[in-house]
Amino acid sequence: MQKKTKLGEILASYMNSGKLVPDEIADQILKNRLSKPDCVERGWILDGHPRTVGNAKFMKENGIEVDMIIVLDVPDEVIIERLDGRVRDPETGKTYHTKFYPPPKEIENRLKKRADDNRDIAKKRLQAYHEYIDRVLACFEKDKIFHVNGNQKIEKVFAEIEKLIHDKV
């Protein structure tokens, strides 16, 4: 999307309206990306995927196996607050939060907010998440699913995830 490609524009139109990218598009992007040498050699982490049962089935049918699924448990209102205050510096790519991680005063005027980082769109996304999550998780072995309390200090969340990964490896 940042490169303003035709595909990026299509993805942005869905995301900016709070809709999920259709499975067919998301699945092909995933399959293409995971076939790249860096993913094949070093592995990969998916953020927010699979989102639907269709995505999960596509992964299984195409031999895309997961070692672990980490579900960050966070109350909806906390997620909405986090998204609503997120801003990005287009020059450095660094992300800030107006309340939790304020940017330096001297760069405030150049910060940008993603079009989909607002309360209304966050609520639509969360509605879709709640609609699909149980059925998506049911597509995977229970011993690969781990829940982490994402409503605590970032260092604690990171430490818990790091421990899960190290214990698995």
Protein backbone atom coordinates (compact mmCIF):
# COMPACT_ATOMS: atom_id res chain seq x y z
CA MET A 1 0.00 0.00 0.00
CA GLN A 2 2.86 2.35 0.81
CA LYS A 3 4.22 1.95 -2.72
CA LYS A 4 0.82 2.97 -4.14
CA THR A 5 0.56 -0.12 -6.34
CA LYS A 6 -2.72 -1.19 -7.91
CA LEU A 7 -2.95 -4.07 -5.41
CA GLY A 8 -2.13 -1.66 -2.58
CA GLU A 9 -4.98 0.60 -3.63
CA ILE A 10 -7.38 -2.34 -3.66
CA LEU A 11 -6.25 -3.39 -0.18
CA ALA A 12 -6.51 0.17 1.12
CA SER A 13 -10.09 0.50 -0.13
CA TYR A 14 -11.12 -2.49 2.00
CA MET A 15 -9.07 -1.62 5.04
CA ASN A 16 -10.01 2.07 5.11
CA SER A 17 -13.69 1.16 5.15
CA GLY A 18 -13.20 -1.38 7.96
CA LYS A 19 -13.89 -4.38 5.74
CA LEU A 20 -11.82 -7.53 5.59
CA VAL A 21 -9.75 -8.06 2.47
CA PRO A 22 -11.52 -10.88 0.55
CA ASP A 23 -10.10 -14.33 1.27
CA GLU A 24 -9.03 -14.92 -2.33
CA ILE A 25 -6.83 -11.82 -2.35
CA ALA A 26 -5.40 -12.36 1.15
CA ASP A 27 -4.70 -16.03 0.44
CA GLN A 28 -2.79 -15.35 -2.77
CA ILE A 29 -0.74 -12.57 -1.14
CA LEU A 30 0.11 -14.96 1.71
CA LYS A 31 1.04 -17.84 -0.57
CA ASN A 32 3.21 -15.60 -2.72
CA ARG A 33 5.00 -13.99 0.23
CA LEU A 34 5.66 -17.23 2.11
CA SER A 35 7.26 -18.75 -0.99
CA LYS A 36 10.03 -16.11 -0.96
CA PRO A 37 13.50 -17.34 0.04
CA ASP A 38 13.68 -15.38 3.29
CA CYS A 39 10.46 -16.98 4.56
CA VAL A 40 11.44 -20.45 3.39
CA GLU A 41 14.87 -20.18 5.03
CA ARG A 42 14.13 -18.25 8.24
CA GLY A 43 10.43 -18.81 8.89
CA TRP A 44 7.70 -16.26 9.31
CA ILE A 45 5.24 -14.62 11.69
CA LEU A 46 1.73 -13.72 10.61
CA ASP A 47 -0.06 -10.82 12.29
CA GLY A 48 -3.83 -11.04 12.12
CA HIS A 49 -3.97 -13.99 9.76
CA PRO A 50 -5.83 -16.24 9.23
CA ARG A 51 -8.88 -14.08 9.77
CA THR A 52 -11.52 -16.45 8.43
CA VAL A 53 -12.16 -20.18 8.27
CA GLY A 54 -11.56 -19.89 4.53
CA ASN A 55 -8.07 -18.49 5.18
CA ALA A 56 -7.33 -21.32 7.65
CA LYS A 57 -8.53 -23.96 5.19
CA PHE A 58 -6.48 -22.41 2.39
CA MET A 59 -3.38 -22.60 4.57
CA LYS A 60 -3.96 -26.29 5.33
CA GLU A 61 -4.77 -27.15 1.72
CA ASN A 62 -1.57 -25.43 0.56
CA GLY A 63 0.72 -26.99 3.14
CA ILE A 64 1.18 -23.78 5.12
CA GLU A 65 1.74 -25.22 8.59
CA VAL A 66 1.88 -23.18 11.79
CA ASP A 67 4.03 -24.04 14.79
CA MET A 68 2.16 -21.78 17.15
CA ILE A 69 -0.79 -19.40 17.33
CA ILE A 70 -0.56 -16.65 19.91
CA VAL A 71 -3.82 -14.89 20.72
CA LEU A 72 -3.42 -11.56 22.47
CA ASP A 73 -6.38 -11.14 24.78
CA VAL A 74 -7.25 -7.43 25.09
CA PRO A 75 -10.61 -5.81 25.92
CA ASP A 76 -12.23 -4.14 22.92
CA GLU A 77 -12.20 -0.65 24.46
CA VAL A 78 -8.46 -0.90 25.08
CA ILE A 79 -7.87 -1.91 21.46
CA ILE A 80 -10.00 0.97 20.23
CA GLU A 81 -8.11 3.45 22.43
CA ARG A 82 -4.76 2.10 21.21
CA LEU A 83 -5.72 2.38 17.55
CA ASP A 84 -7.40 5.75 17.90
CA GLY A 85 -4.24 7.38 19.26
CA ARG A 86 -1.73 5.78 16.92
CA VAL A 87 0.25 8.12 14.65
CA ARG A 88 3.23 7.57 12.36
CA ASP A 89 6.16 9.69 11.29
CA PRO A 90 6.32 9.40 7.47
CA GLU A 91 9.99 10.45 7.45
CA THR A 92 11.30 7.84 9.88
CA GLY A 93 8.50 5.27 9.83
CA LYS A 94 8.42 5.37 13.63
CA THR A 95 5.06 4.85 15.31
CA TYR A 96 3.88 6.84 18.33
CA HIS A 97 0.74 7.03 20.45
CA THR A 98 -0.69 10.37 21.45
CA LYS A 99 -1.32 9.17 25.03
CA PHE A 100 0.92 6.17 25.75
CA TYR A 101 4.04 7.04 23.72
CA PRO A 102 3.84 10.70 22.70
CA PRO A 103 6.06 11.93 19.87
CA PRO A 104 8.58 14.72 20.34
CA LYS A 105 6.93 18.14 20.02
CA GLU A 106 9.14 19.15 17.10
CA ILE A 107 7.72 16.46 14.79
CA GLU A 108 4.03 16.60 15.75
CA ASN A 109 3.06 18.64 12.67
CA ARG A 110 4.32 15.99 10.21
CA LEU A 111 2.72 12.95 11.83
CA LYS A 112 0.10 11.00 9.93
CA LYS A 113 -2.75 8.85 11.10
CA ARG A 114 -3.81 5.81 9.08
CA ALA A 115 -7.27 6.25 7.62
CA ASP A 116 -8.39 3.02 9.28
CA ASP A 117 -7.11 3.97 12.75
CA ASN A 118 -10.31 5.39 14.12
CA ARG A 119 -13.01 4.23 16.51
CA ASP A 120 -15.70 3.38 13.95
CA ILE A 121 -13.45 1.23 11.79
CA ALA A 122 -11.87 -0.40 14.85
CA LYS A 123 -15.34 -1.39 16.04
CA LYS A 124 -16.13 -2.95 12.63
CA ARG A 125 -12.87 -4.90 12.69
CA LEU A 126 -13.50 -6.11 16.22
CA GLN A 127 -16.99 -7.22 15.27
CA ALA A 128 -15.51 -9.30 12.44
CA TYR A 129 -12.83 -10.66 14.78
CA HIS A 130 -15.39 -11.81 17.34
CA GLU A 131 -17.53 -13.32 14.59
CA TYR A 132 -14.70 -15.47 13.24
CA ILE A 133 -12.10 -16.14 15.95
CA ASP A 134 -13.57 -19.28 17.58
CA ARG A 135 -14.20 -20.98 14.23
CA VAL A 136 -10.73 -20.03 12.95
CA LEU A 137 -9.01 -21.38 16.05
CA ALA A 138 -11.03 -24.60 15.76
CA CYS A 139 -9.19 -25.28 12.47
CA PHE A 140 -5.92 -25.75 14.34
CA GLU A 141 -4.67 -28.22 16.94
CA LYS A 142 -5.42 -27.03 20.47
CA ASP A 143 -1.84 -27.64 21.61
CA LYS A 144 -0.65 -24.99 19.12
CA ILE A 145 -2.88 -22.22 20.51
CA PHE A 146 -1.62 -20.01 23.31
CA HIS A 147 -3.33 -17.04 24.94
CA VAL A 148 -1.39 -14.08 26.29
CA ASN A 149 -2.84 -11.22 28.30
CA GLY A 150 -2.18 -8.29 25.98
CA ASN A 151 -3.61 -5.81 28.46
CA GLN A 152 -0.43 -5.32 30.44
CA LYS A 153 2.86 -3.48 30.01
CA ILE A 154 4.49 -4.13 26.65
CA GLU A 155 7.61 -5.53 28.30
CA LYS A 156 5.52 -8.15 30.12
CA VAL A 157 3.64 -9.12 26.94
CA PHE A 158 6.93 -9.38 25.06
CA ALA A 159 8.49 -11.52 27.81
CA GLU A 160 5.52 -13.92 27.81
CA ILE A 161 5.60 -14.30 24.02
CA GLU A 162 9.36 -14.72 24.01
CA LYS A 163 9.09 -17.47 26.64
CA LEU A 164 6.39 -19.26 24.64
CA ILE A 165 8.58 -19.21 21.54
CA HIS A 166 11.71 -20.34 23.36
CA ASP A 167 9.84 -23.12 25.14
CA LYS A 168 8.51 -24.31 21.77
CA VAL A 169 11.88 -24.28 20.03
